[in-house]
Amino acid sequence: MVTALAFILFACVASSTGEDSPDIIPVPGGLSGTGITTRYWDCCKPSCSWRENLRNTSADPVTSCAIDGNTVIDPEAMSNCGGGPSYMCSNQQPFVVNSTLAYGFAGASFTGKADYQLCCGCVLLSFTGALSHKKMVVQVTNTGADAVANQFDLALPGGGVGINNGCISQWNAPPDGWGKRYGGVDTEAECDQLPRQLQDGCRFRFEFMESVSNPSVNFVQVECPKEIVDRSHCNLK
């Protein structure tokens, strides 16, 4: 049950800064717990872009794009990482709402193997430790065979390509991606290596996230903000 106090806390996530902040509404009975974060940007079509992977929604799957990262492509098109023409859309990178809150996208794996059940669902990540003053709402757009329980693989350009490097065919990226294959670039200056369309998302890790690498989180499932749904065109119902 969501108490009145809990709702106020979600609604006023950035009230201590005096900035305007959107209401963030918990999903009654939704998932919650503690977890870890990692980061990736492999340019591959997200797994929640496949209609057959949508378990709890009648909405369209997450949009995927042509090689330009901008033109929305047929959801049945094969992923570029499988030899097809479909890529992750460039607008599925993080964006700042205010100084303590951001929106974004992530691959996720949950305790109880809820992965595909949460395609297009959103969670509020409250960072802990050195980044405990920051929060991020992410939509689950991907899953990962190499992910552990309650892991959020944040979609951050320049964050490492991981298993697959679809960025070679899309952006002529190096064989292991920009920087290290796992972890990506080490400095904000290296973000200049990325195509212009992805540089803001790369700098997000060094600016909004203050260069804190893979912070742990407390998480709770929330309703997806319109700004996120407008980018992915998918929403868990």
C-alpha atoms as a PDB file:
ATOM      1  CA  MET A   1       0.000   0.000   0.000  1.00  0.00           C
ATOM      2  CA  VAL A   2       1.261   3.468  -0.851  1.00  0.00           C
ATOM      3  CA  THR A   3       0.865   5.767   2.137  1.00  0.00           C
ATOM      4  CA  ALA A   4       0.143   9.472   1.903  1.00  0.00           C
ATOM      5  CA  LEU A   5       3.625  10.157   3.246  1.00  0.00           C
ATOM      6  CA  ALA A   6       5.203   7.948   0.577  1.00  0.00           C
ATOM      7  CA  PHE A   7       3.306   9.794  -2.138  1.00  0.00           C
ATOM      8  CA  ILE A   8       4.493  13.137  -0.834  1.00  0.00           C
ATOM      9  CA  LEU A   9       8.082  11.906  -0.850  1.00  0.00           C
ATOM     10  CA  PHE A  10       7.758  10.791  -4.461  1.00  0.00           C
ATOM     11  CA  ALA A  11       5.999  13.970  -5.502  1.00  0.00           C
ATOM     12  CA  CYS A  12       8.664  16.165  -3.946  1.00  0.00           C
ATOM     13  CA  VAL A  13      11.778  14.318  -5.026  1.00  0.00           C
ATOM     14  CA  ALA A  14      13.678  17.579  -5.567  1.00  0.00           C
ATOM     15  CA  SER A  15      11.863  19.869  -3.150  1.00  0.00           C
ATOM     16  CA  SER A  16      15.012  20.429  -1.076  1.00  0.00           C
ATOM     17  CA  THR A  17      16.563  22.305  -4.010  1.00  0.00           C
ATOM     18  CA  GLY A  18      13.600  24.622  -4.479  1.00  0.00           C
ATOM     19  CA  GLU A  19      13.239  23.467  -8.097  1.00  0.00           C
ATOM     20  CA  ASP A  20      10.040  22.343  -9.741  1.00  0.00           C
ATOM     21  CA  SER A  21       9.781  18.569  -9.789  1.00  0.00           C
ATOM     22  CA  PRO A  22       7.236  16.244 -11.403  1.00  0.00           C
ATOM     23  CA  ASP A  23       5.001  13.896  -9.470  1.00  0.00           C
ATOM     24  CA  ILE A  24       6.455  10.392  -9.400  1.00  0.00           C
ATOM     25  CA  ILE A  25       3.691   7.924  -8.617  1.00  0.00           C
ATOM     26  CA  PRO A  26       4.464   4.460  -7.200  1.00  0.00           C
ATOM     27  CA  VAL A  27       2.702   1.441  -8.717  1.00  0.00           C
ATOM     28  CA  PRO A  28       0.694  -0.332  -5.972  1.00  0.00           C
ATOM     29  CA  GLY A  29       2.141  -3.812  -5.498  1.00  0.00           C
ATOM     30  CA  GLY A  30       4.994  -3.055  -7.876  1.00  0.00           C
ATOM     31  CA  LEU A  31       8.535  -4.348  -7.580  1.00  0.00           C
ATOM     32  CA  SER A  32      10.928  -2.750  -5.123  1.00  0.00           C
ATOM     33  CA  GLY A  33      14.215  -3.553  -3.462  1.00  0.00           C
ATOM     34  CA  THR A  34      17.921  -2.862  -3.638  1.00  0.00           C
ATOM     35  CA  GLY A  35      20.054  -3.297  -6.709  1.00  0.00           C
ATOM     36  CA  ILE A  36      23.158  -2.425  -8.659  1.00  0.00           C
ATOM     37  CA  THR A  37      23.789  -0.400 -11.796  1.00  0.00           C
ATOM     38  CA  THR A  38      26.073  -0.928 -14.748  1.00  0.00           C
ATOM     39  CA  ARG A  39      26.140   0.890 -18.077  1.00  0.00           C
ATOM     40  CA  TYR A  40      26.079   0.089 -21.776  1.00  0.00           C
ATOM     41  CA  TRP A  41      25.362   1.414 -25.233  1.00  0.00           C
ATOM     42  CA  ASP A  42      25.649  -1.294 -27.873  1.00  0.00           C
ATOM     43  CA  CYS A  43      23.477   0.294 -30.603  1.00  0.00           C
ATOM     44  CA  CYS A  44      21.518  -2.984 -30.945  1.00  0.00           C
ATOM     45  CA  LYS A  45      17.736  -3.095 -31.233  1.00  0.00           C
ATOM     46  CA  PRO A  46      16.390  -3.337 -27.631  1.00  0.00           C
ATOM     47  CA  SER A  47      14.760  -6.644 -26.706  1.00  0.00           C
ATOM     48  CA  CYS A  48      11.535  -4.857 -25.670  1.00  0.00           C
ATOM     49  CA  SER A  49      11.277  -3.664 -29.276  1.00  0.00           C
ATOM     50  CA  TRP A  50      10.087  -7.164 -30.208  1.00  0.00           C
ATOM     51  CA  ARG A  51       6.298  -7.409 -29.966  1.00  0.00           C
ATOM     52  CA  GLU A  52       6.457 -11.020 -28.753  1.00  0.00           C
ATOM     53  CA  ASN A  53       8.477  -9.918 -25.707  1.00  0.00           C
ATOM     54  CA  LEU A  54       5.702  -7.657 -24.413  1.00  0.00           C
ATOM     55  CA  ARG A  55       3.901  -9.630 -21.713  1.00  0.00           C
ATOM     56  CA  ASN A  56       1.725  -7.116 -19.885  1.00  0.00           C
ATOM     57  CA  THR A  57       0.888  -4.404 -22.362  1.00  0.00           C
ATOM     58  CA  SER A  58      -1.148  -4.038 -25.512  1.00  0.00           C
ATOM     59  CA  ALA A  59       0.885  -0.989 -26.521  1.00  0.00           C
ATOM     60  CA  ASP A  60       3.341  -0.864 -29.375  1.00  0.00           C
ATOM     61  CA  PRO A  61       6.824  -2.189 -28.582  1.00  0.00           C
ATOM     62  CA  VAL A  62       9.707   0.148 -27.815  1.00  0.00           C
ATOM     63  CA  THR A  63      10.628   2.045 -30.953  1.00  0.00           C
ATOM     64  CA  SER A  64      13.723   1.035 -32.847  1.00  0.00           C
ATOM     65  CA  CYS A  65      15.360   3.079 -35.566  1.00  0.00           C
ATOM     66  CA  ALA A  66      17.124   2.943 -38.897  1.00  0.00           C
ATOM     67  CA  ILE A  67      20.866   3.423 -39.149  1.00  0.00           C
ATOM     68  CA  ASP A  68      20.544   7.200 -38.667  1.00  0.00           C
ATOM     69  CA  GLY A  69      19.314   6.587 -35.089  1.00  0.00           C
ATOM     70  CA  ASN A  70      16.317   8.803 -35.734  1.00  0.00           C
ATOM     71  CA  THR A  71      13.967   7.282 -38.329  1.00  0.00           C
ATOM     72  CA  VAL A  72      11.534   4.872 -36.648  1.00  0.00           C
ATOM     73  CA  ILE A  73      11.597   1.487 -38.354  1.00  0.00           C
ATOM     74  CA  ASP A  74       9.155  -1.439 -38.670  1.00  0.00           C
ATOM     75  CA  PRO A  75       9.065  -3.239 -35.270  1.00  0.00           C
ATOM     76  CA  GLU A  76       9.386  -6.577 -37.074  1.00  0.00           C
ATOM     77  CA  ALA A  77      12.719  -5.600 -38.624  1.00  0.00           C
ATOM     78  CA  MET A  78      15.689  -7.708 -37.535  1.00  0.00           C
ATOM     79  CA  SER A  79      18.259  -6.190 -35.180  1.00  0.00           C
ATOM     80  CA  ASN A  80      21.468  -4.933 -36.723  1.00  0.00           C
ATOM     81  CA  CYS A  81      23.262  -7.186 -34.241  1.00  0.00           C
ATOM     82  CA  GLY A  82      21.613 -10.083 -36.071  1.00  0.00           C
ATOM     83  CA  GLY A  83      22.402  -8.709 -39.518  1.00  0.00           C
ATOM     84  CA  GLY A  84      19.260  -6.587 -39.902  1.00  0.00           C
ATOM     85  CA  PRO A  85      18.569  -2.862 -40.340  1.00  0.00           C
ATOM     86  CA  SER A  86      17.181  -2.030 -36.845  1.00  0.00           C
ATOM     87  CA  TYR A  87      19.137  -0.082 -34.194  1.00  0.00           C
ATOM     88  CA  MET A  88      18.566   1.508 -30.797  1.00  0.00           C
ATOM     89  CA  CYS A  89      17.110   4.993 -31.286  1.00  0.00           C
ATOM     90  CA  SER A  90      19.494   7.782 -30.320  1.00  0.00           C
ATOM     91  CA  ASN A  91      16.844   9.543 -28.204  1.00  0.00           C
ATOM     92  CA  GLN A  92      16.779   6.601 -25.774  1.00  0.00           C
ATOM     93  CA  GLN A  93      19.648   8.154 -23.847  1.00  0.00           C
ATOM     94  CA  PRO A  94      19.319   9.883 -20.457  1.00  0.00           C
ATOM     95  CA  PHE A  95      18.135  13.462 -20.040  1.00  0.00           C
ATOM     96  CA  VAL A  96      18.110  15.784 -17.052  1.00  0.00           C
ATOM     97  CA  VAL A  97      14.864  16.966 -15.442  1.00  0.00           C
ATOM     98  CA  ASN A  98      16.458  19.101 -12.737  1.00  0.00           C
ATOM     99  CA  SER A  99      19.634  19.087 -10.652  1.00  0.00           C
ATOM    100  CA  THR A 100      18.634  15.982  -8.667  1.00  0.00           C
ATOM    101  CA  LEU A 101      16.369  14.058 -11.059  1.00  0.00           C
ATOM    102  CA  ALA A 102      16.882  12.552 -14.498  1.00  0.00           C
ATOM    103  CA  TYR A 103      14.975  10.263 -16.854  1.00  0.00           C
ATOM    104  CA  GLY A 104      16.411   7.485 -18.964  1.00  0.00           C
ATOM    105  CA  PHE A 105      16.304   3.886 -20.139  1.00  0.00           C
ATOM    106  CA  ALA A 106      17.882   0.633 -19.018  1.00  0.00           C
ATOM    107  CA  GLY A 107      18.241  -3.044 -19.529  1.00  0.00           C
ATOM    108  CA  ALA A 108      17.151  -4.829 -16.367  1.00  0.00           C
ATOM    109  CA  SER A 109      17.067  -8.196 -14.683  1.00  0.00           C
ATOM    110  CA  PHE A 110      14.944  -8.781 -11.597  1.00  0.00           C
ATOM    111  CA  THR A 111      14.723 -11.289  -8.770  1.00  0.00           C
ATOM    112  CA  GLY A 112      12.206 -13.928  -9.814  1.00  0.00           C
ATOM    113  CA  LYS A 113      13.054 -13.520 -13.512  1.00  0.00           C
ATOM    114  CA  ALA A 114      10.414 -10.814 -14.058  1.00  0.00           C
ATOM    115  CA  ASP A 115      12.446  -9.416 -16.950  1.00  0.00           C
ATOM    116  CA  TYR A 116      10.052  -9.480 -19.889  1.00  0.00           C
ATOM    117  CA  GLN A 117       7.102  -8.948 -17.541  1.00  0.00           C
ATOM    118  CA  LEU A 118       8.546  -5.473 -16.935  1.00  0.00           C
ATOM    119  CA  CYS A 119       9.186  -4.515 -20.563  1.00  0.00           C
ATOM    120  CA  CYS A 120       8.155  -0.848 -20.860  1.00  0.00           C
ATOM    121  CA  GLY A 121       7.678  -0.532 -17.091  1.00  0.00           C
ATOM    122  CA  CYS A 122       9.459   2.196 -15.123  1.00  0.00           C
ATOM    123  CA  VAL A 123      11.367   2.230 -11.855  1.00  0.00           C
ATOM    124  CA  LEU A 124      12.625   5.049  -9.696  1.00  0.00           C
ATOM    125  CA  LEU A 125      16.289   4.520  -8.882  1.00  0.00           C
ATOM    126  CA  SER A 126      17.437   6.271  -5.713  1.00  0.00           C
ATOM    127  CA  PHE A 127      21.218   6.196  -5.831  1.00  0.00           C
ATOM    128  CA  THR A 128      23.096   5.410  -2.630  1.00  0.00           C
ATOM    129  CA  GLY A 129      26.546   6.304  -1.362  1.00  0.00           C
ATOM    130  CA  ALA A 130      28.316   9.254  -2.971  1.00  0.00           C
ATOM    131  CA  LEU A 131      25.360   9.882  -5.314  1.00  0.00           C
ATOM    132  CA  SER A 132      22.598   9.608  -2.693  1.00  0.00           C
ATOM    133  CA  HIS A 133      21.337  13.124  -3.533  1.00  0.00           C
ATOM    134  CA  LYS A 134      20.386  12.051  -7.071  1.00  0.00           C
ATOM    135  CA  LYS A 135      17.501   9.981  -8.468  1.00  0.00           C
ATOM    136  CA  MET A 136      16.627   8.637 -11.875  1.00  0.00           C
ATOM    137  CA  VAL A 137      13.462   7.212 -13.401  1.00  0.00           C
ATOM    138  CA  VAL A 138      14.314   4.610 -16.037  1.00  0.00           C
ATOM    139  CA  GLN A 139      12.129   2.614 -18.382  1.00  0.00           C
ATOM    140  CA  VAL A 140      12.992  -1.036 -18.939  1.00  0.00           C
ATOM    141  CA  THR A 141      13.638  -1.340 -22.667  1.00  0.00           C
ATOM    142  CA  ASN A 142      16.083  -4.224 -22.692  1.00  0.00           C
ATOM    143  CA  THR A 143      17.133  -7.391 -20.885  1.00  0.00           C
ATOM    144  CA  GLY A 144      20.493  -9.080 -20.748  1.00  0.00           C
ATOM    145  CA  ALA A 145      21.600 -12.681 -20.689  1.00  0.00           C
ATOM    146  CA  ASP A 146      24.639 -11.685 -18.654  1.00  0.00           C
ATOM    147  CA  ALA A 147      22.723  -9.602 -16.074  1.00  0.00           C
ATOM    148  CA  VAL A 148      22.285 -10.625 -12.439  1.00  0.00           C
ATOM    149  CA  ALA A 149      19.189 -10.186 -10.272  1.00  0.00           C
ATOM    150  CA  ASN A 150      18.153  -6.570  -9.639  1.00  0.00           C
ATOM    151  CA  GLN A 151      20.702  -5.153 -12.047  1.00  0.00           C
ATOM    152  CA  PHE A 152      19.988  -1.990 -14.011  1.00  0.00           C
ATOM    153  CA  ASP A 153      22.192  -1.624 -17.075  1.00  0.00           C
ATOM    154  CA  LEU A 154      21.783   2.081 -17.766  1.00  0.00           C
ATOM    155  CA  ALA A 155      21.670   3.056 -21.441  1.00  0.00           C
ATOM    156  CA  LEU A 156      24.537   5.562 -21.476  1.00  0.00           C
ATOM    157  CA  PRO A 157      26.328   6.299 -24.755  1.00  0.00           C
ATOM    158  CA  GLY A 158      30.016   5.615 -24.334  1.00  0.00           C
ATOM    159  CA  GLY A 159      29.236   3.270 -21.444  1.00  0.00           C
ATOM    160  CA  GLY A 160      30.648   0.178 -23.145  1.00  0.00           C
ATOM    161  CA  VAL A 161      29.207  -2.105 -25.797  1.00  0.00           C
ATOM    162  CA  GLY A 162      29.290  -5.316 -23.759  1.00  0.00           C
ATOM    163  CA  ILE A 163      28.560  -8.571 -25.584  1.00  0.00           C
ATOM    164  CA  ASN A 164      27.533  -7.060 -28.917  1.00  0.00           C
ATOM    165  CA  ASN A 165      28.935  -4.067 -30.751  1.00  0.00           C
ATOM    166  CA  GLY A 166      26.274  -2.820 -33.130  1.00  0.00           C
ATOM    167  CA  CYS A 167      27.961   0.581 -33.102  1.00  0.00           C
ATOM    168  CA  ILE A 168      30.524  -0.602 -35.651  1.00  0.00           C
ATOM    169  CA  SER A 169      27.993  -0.756 -38.472  1.00  0.00           C
ATOM    170  CA  GLN A 170      26.062   2.305 -37.285  1.00  0.00           C
ATOM    171  CA  TRP A 171      28.801   4.755 -36.344  1.00  0.00           C
ATOM    172  CA  ASN A 172      32.044   3.074 -37.434  1.00  0.00           C
ATOM    173  CA  ALA A 173      32.980   2.625 -33.766  1.00  0.00           C
ATOM    174  CA  PRO A 174      36.201   0.814 -32.821  1.00  0.00           C
ATOM    175  CA  PRO A 175      36.046  -3.013 -32.518  1.00  0.00           C
ATOM    176  CA  ASP A 176      35.569  -2.824 -28.726  1.00  0.00           C
ATOM    177  CA  GLY A 177      33.479   0.334 -28.834  1.00  0.00           C
ATOM    178  CA  TRP A 178      34.579   3.693 -27.506  1.00  0.00           C
ATOM    179  CA  GLY A 179      36.907   3.158 -24.552  1.00  0.00           C
ATOM    180  CA  LYS A 180      36.740  -0.260 -22.881  1.00  0.00           C
ATOM    181  CA  ARG A 181      34.343  -2.930 -24.110  1.00  0.00           C
ATOM    182  CA  TYR A 182      32.917  -3.132 -20.577  1.00  0.00           C
ATOM    183  CA  GLY A 183      32.774   0.295 -18.936  1.00  0.00           C
ATOM    184  CA  GLY A 184      33.365   2.487 -21.961  1.00  0.00           C
ATOM    185  CA  VAL A 185      35.189   5.814 -21.883  1.00  0.00           C
ATOM    186  CA  ASP A 186      37.041   6.952 -18.783  1.00  0.00           C
ATOM    187  CA  THR A 187      36.823  10.738 -19.131  1.00  0.00           C
ATOM    188  CA  GLU A 188      34.331  13.327 -20.294  1.00  0.00           C
ATOM    189  CA  ALA A 189      36.795  14.536 -22.918  1.00  0.00           C
ATOM    190  CA  GLU A 190      36.590  11.103 -24.588  1.00  0.00           C
ATOM    191  CA  CYS A 191      32.893  11.716 -25.257  1.00  0.00           C
ATOM    192  CA  ASP A 192      34.062  13.832 -28.197  1.00  0.00           C
ATOM    193  CA  GLN A 193      34.939  10.549 -29.947  1.00  0.00           C
ATOM    194  CA  LEU A 194      31.252   9.646 -30.177  1.00  0.00           C
ATOM    195  CA  PRO A 195      28.917  10.892 -32.919  1.00  0.00           C
ATOM    196  CA  ARG A 196      27.363  14.246 -32.103  1.00  0.00           C
ATOM    197  CA  GLN A 197      23.932  12.660 -31.539  1.00  0.00           C
ATOM    198  CA  LEU A 198      25.281  10.655 -28.591  1.00  0.00           C
ATOM    199  CA  GLN A 199      27.668  13.070 -26.916  1.00  0.00           C
ATOM    200  CA  ASP A 200      25.162  14.606 -24.455  1.00  0.00           C
ATOM    201  CA  GLY A 201      24.223  11.146 -23.201  1.00  0.00           C
ATOM    202  CA  CYS A 202      27.894  10.315 -22.755  1.00  0.00           C
ATOM    203  CA  ARG A 203      28.556  13.489 -20.770  1.00  0.00           C
ATOM    204  CA  PHE A 204      25.551  12.711 -18.537  1.00  0.00           C
ATOM    205  CA  ARG A 205      27.681  10.159 -16.663  1.00  0.00           C
ATOM    206  CA  PHE A 206      30.311  12.739 -15.836  1.00  0.00           C
ATOM    207  CA  GLU A 207      27.987  15.682 -15.197  1.00  0.00           C
ATOM    208  CA  PHE A 208      24.665  14.563 -13.668  1.00  0.00           C
ATOM    209  CA  MET A 209      26.175  11.363 -12.240  1.00  0.00           C
ATOM    210  CA  GLU A 210      29.297  13.236 -11.130  1.00  0.00           C
ATOM    211  CA  SER A 211      31.621  10.511 -12.491  1.00  0.00           C
ATOM    212  CA  VAL A 212      30.363   8.052  -9.868  1.00  0.00           C
ATOM    213  CA  SER A 213      30.834   4.652 -11.475  1.00  0.00           C
ATOM    214  CA  ASN A 214      28.045   2.067 -11.194  1.00  0.00           C
ATOM    215  CA  PRO A 215      26.351   3.331  -8.002  1.00  0.00           C
ATOM    216  CA  SER A 216      24.089   1.013  -6.026  1.00  0.00           C
ATOM    217  CA  VAL A 217      20.402   1.883  -5.792  1.00  0.00           C
ATOM    218  CA  ASN A 218      17.166   1.442  -3.954  1.00  0.00           C
ATOM    219  CA  PHE A 219      14.369   0.999  -6.478  1.00  0.00           C
ATOM    220  CA  VAL A 220      10.592   1.043  -6.657  1.00  0.00           C
ATOM    221  CA  GLN A 221       8.286   0.567  -9.620  1.00  0.00           C
ATOM    222  CA  VAL A 222       6.522   3.770 -10.682  1.00  0.00           C
ATOM    223  CA  GLU A 223       4.231   5.010 -13.406  1.00  0.00           C
ATOM    224  CA  CYS A 224       6.150   6.028 -16.506  1.00  0.00           C
ATOM    225  CA  PRO A 225       6.461   9.777 -17.052  1.00  0.00           C
ATOM    226  CA  LYS A 226       4.990  11.066 -20.314  1.00  0.00           C
ATOM    227  CA  GLU A 227       8.386  12.398 -21.373  1.00  0.00           C
ATOM    228  CA  ILE A 228       9.801   8.859 -21.345  1.00  0.00           C
ATOM    229  CA  VAL A 229       6.810   7.314 -23.114  1.00  0.00           C
ATOM    230  CA  ASP A 230       6.996  10.017 -25.790  1.00  0.00           C
ATOM    231  CA  ARG A 231      10.453   8.723 -26.660  1.00  0.00           C
ATOM    232  CA  SER A 232       9.880   4.979 -26.481  1.00  0.00           C
ATOM    233  CA  HIS A 233       6.189   4.929 -27.521  1.00  0.00           C
ATOM    234  CA  CYS A 234       5.648   2.062 -25.084  1.00  0.00           C
ATOM    235  CA  ASN A 235       4.038   1.972 -21.640  1.00  0.00           C
ATOM    236  CA  LEU A 236       3.358  -0.951 -19.307  1.00  0.00           C
ATOM    237  CA  LYS A 237      -0.330  -1.301 -18.504  1.00  0.00           C
END
